[in-house]
Amino acid sequence: MTPADLRALLHTLDLTQEGAADMLGIGFRTVNRWCSPGGRPPRWAALAIRQAAADAKVGFKPRPPAAAR
């Protein structure tokens, strides 16, 4: 999950970075780092956020990498 994908998914879920941090039981600065260029959430966090989207019945398709477009 890229930082742009994460920001888009949080927006779709109407979750702030603070809200995502609370949901995941981690600090705000960690989520903020993942949302910044060059950051990436670890697999466990990406799966948890995608599961929250599935539970909320929110469809999300990550953007293909720039090389694939």
C-alpha atoms as a PDB file:
ATOM      1  CA  MET A   1       0.000   0.000   0.000  1.00  0.00           C
ATOM      2  CA  THR A   2       1.479   3.320  -1.054  1.00  0.00           C
ATOM      3  CA  PRO A   3       1.183   6.505   0.996  1.00  0.00           C
ATOM      4  CA  ALA A   4      -1.310   7.854  -1.575  1.00  0.00           C
ATOM      5  CA  ASP A   5      -3.392   4.668  -1.322  1.00  0.00           C
ATOM      6  CA  LEU A   6      -3.374   4.910   2.460  1.00  0.00           C
ATOM      7  CA  ARG A   7      -4.447   8.564   2.438  1.00  0.00           C
ATOM      8  CA  ALA A   8      -7.223   7.787  -0.072  1.00  0.00           C
ATOM      9  CA  LEU A   9      -8.470   4.850   1.974  1.00  0.00           C
ATOM     10  CA  LEU A  10      -8.457   6.839   5.205  1.00  0.00           C
ATOM     11  CA  HIS A  11     -10.401   9.588   3.416  1.00  0.00           C
ATOM     12  CA  THR A  12     -12.907   7.035   2.085  1.00  0.00           C
ATOM     13  CA  LEU A  13     -13.340   5.636   5.598  1.00  0.00           C
ATOM     14  CA  ASP A  14     -13.670   9.181   6.958  1.00  0.00           C
ATOM     15  CA  LEU A  15     -10.781   8.418   9.299  1.00  0.00           C
ATOM     16  CA  THR A  16      -8.159  10.915  10.340  1.00  0.00           C
ATOM     17  CA  GLN A  17      -4.583   9.811  10.866  1.00  0.00           C
ATOM     18  CA  GLU A  18      -5.281  10.081  14.602  1.00  0.00           C
ATOM     19  CA  GLY A  19      -8.370   7.910  14.200  1.00  0.00           C
ATOM     20  CA  ALA A  20      -6.408   5.293  12.276  1.00  0.00           C
ATOM     21  CA  ALA A  21      -3.708   5.330  14.948  1.00  0.00           C
ATOM     22  CA  ASP A  22      -6.323   4.800  17.676  1.00  0.00           C
ATOM     23  CA  MET A  23      -7.940   1.984  15.696  1.00  0.00           C
ATOM     24  CA  LEU A  24      -4.564   0.249  15.258  1.00  0.00           C
ATOM     25  CA  GLY A  25      -3.367   0.945  18.800  1.00  0.00           C
ATOM     26  CA  ILE A  26      -0.287   2.860  17.649  1.00  0.00           C
ATOM     27  CA  GLY A  27       0.940   6.443  17.755  1.00  0.00           C
ATOM     28  CA  PHE A  28      -0.231   9.204  15.441  1.00  0.00           C
ATOM     29  CA  ARG A  29       3.323   9.927  14.301  1.00  0.00           C
ATOM     30  CA  THR A  30       3.643   6.377  12.978  1.00  0.00           C
ATOM     31  CA  VAL A  31       0.567   6.726  10.763  1.00  0.00           C
ATOM     32  CA  ASN A  32       1.718  10.192   9.734  1.00  0.00           C
ATOM     33  CA  ARG A  33       5.053   8.715   8.643  1.00  0.00           C
ATOM     34  CA  TRP A  34       3.269   6.045   6.580  1.00  0.00           C
ATOM     35  CA  CYS A  35       1.213   8.731   4.818  1.00  0.00           C
ATOM     36  CA  SER A  36       4.291  10.755   3.897  1.00  0.00           C
ATOM     37  CA  PRO A  37       6.217  10.311   0.624  1.00  0.00           C
ATOM     38  CA  GLY A  38       8.597   7.402   0.998  1.00  0.00           C
ATOM     39  CA  GLY A  39       6.583   5.886   3.843  1.00  0.00           C
ATOM     40  CA  ARG A  40       4.697   2.618   3.746  1.00  0.00           C
ATOM     41  CA  PRO A  41       2.577   0.871   6.329  1.00  0.00           C
ATOM     42  CA  PRO A  42       3.705  -2.637   7.278  1.00  0.00           C
ATOM     43  CA  ARG A  43       1.681  -5.510   5.910  1.00  0.00           C
ATOM     44  CA  TRP A  44      -0.219  -6.073   9.175  1.00  0.00           C
ATOM     45  CA  ALA A  45      -1.407  -2.458   9.227  1.00  0.00           C
ATOM     46  CA  ALA A  46      -2.393  -2.423   5.558  1.00  0.00           C
ATOM     47  CA  LEU A  47      -4.411  -5.613   6.096  1.00  0.00           C
ATOM     48  CA  ALA A  48      -6.110  -4.176   9.197  1.00  0.00           C
ATOM     49  CA  ILE A  49      -7.079  -0.986   7.369  1.00  0.00           C
ATOM     50  CA  ARG A  50      -8.348  -2.939   4.360  1.00  0.00           C
ATOM     51  CA  GLN A  51     -10.371  -5.126   6.741  1.00  0.00           C
ATOM     52  CA  ALA A  52     -11.902  -2.006   8.276  1.00  0.00           C
ATOM     53  CA  ALA A  53     -12.888  -0.938   4.761  1.00  0.00           C
ATOM     54  CA  ALA A  54     -14.414  -4.352   4.069  1.00  0.00           C
ATOM     55  CA  ASP A  55     -16.309  -4.233   7.370  1.00  0.00           C
ATOM     56  CA  ALA A  56     -17.631  -0.802   6.398  1.00  0.00           C
ATOM     57  CA  LYS A  57     -18.514  -2.197   2.964  1.00  0.00           C
ATOM     58  CA  VAL A  58     -16.257   0.361   1.270  1.00  0.00           C
ATOM     59  CA  GLY A  59     -14.787  -0.678  -2.054  1.00  0.00           C
ATOM     60  CA  PHE A  60     -11.153   0.223  -2.594  1.00  0.00           C
ATOM     61  CA  LYS A  61      -8.812  -0.553  -5.449  1.00  0.00           C
ATOM     62  CA  PRO A  62      -5.217   0.578  -5.075  1.00  0.00           C
ATOM     63  CA  ARG A  63      -3.771   2.566  -7.948  1.00  0.00           C
ATOM     64  CA  PRO A  64      -1.359   0.587 -10.141  1.00  0.00           C
ATOM     65  CA  PRO A  65       2.304   1.566  -9.839  1.00  0.00           C
ATOM     66  CA  ALA A  66       3.376   4.411 -12.137  1.00  0.00           C
ATOM     67  CA  ALA A  67       5.395   1.995 -14.295  1.00  0.00           C
ATOM     68  CA  ALA A  68       2.247  -0.070 -14.988  1.00  0.00           C
ATOM     69  CA  ARG A  69       0.114   2.876 -16.096  1.00  0.00           C
END
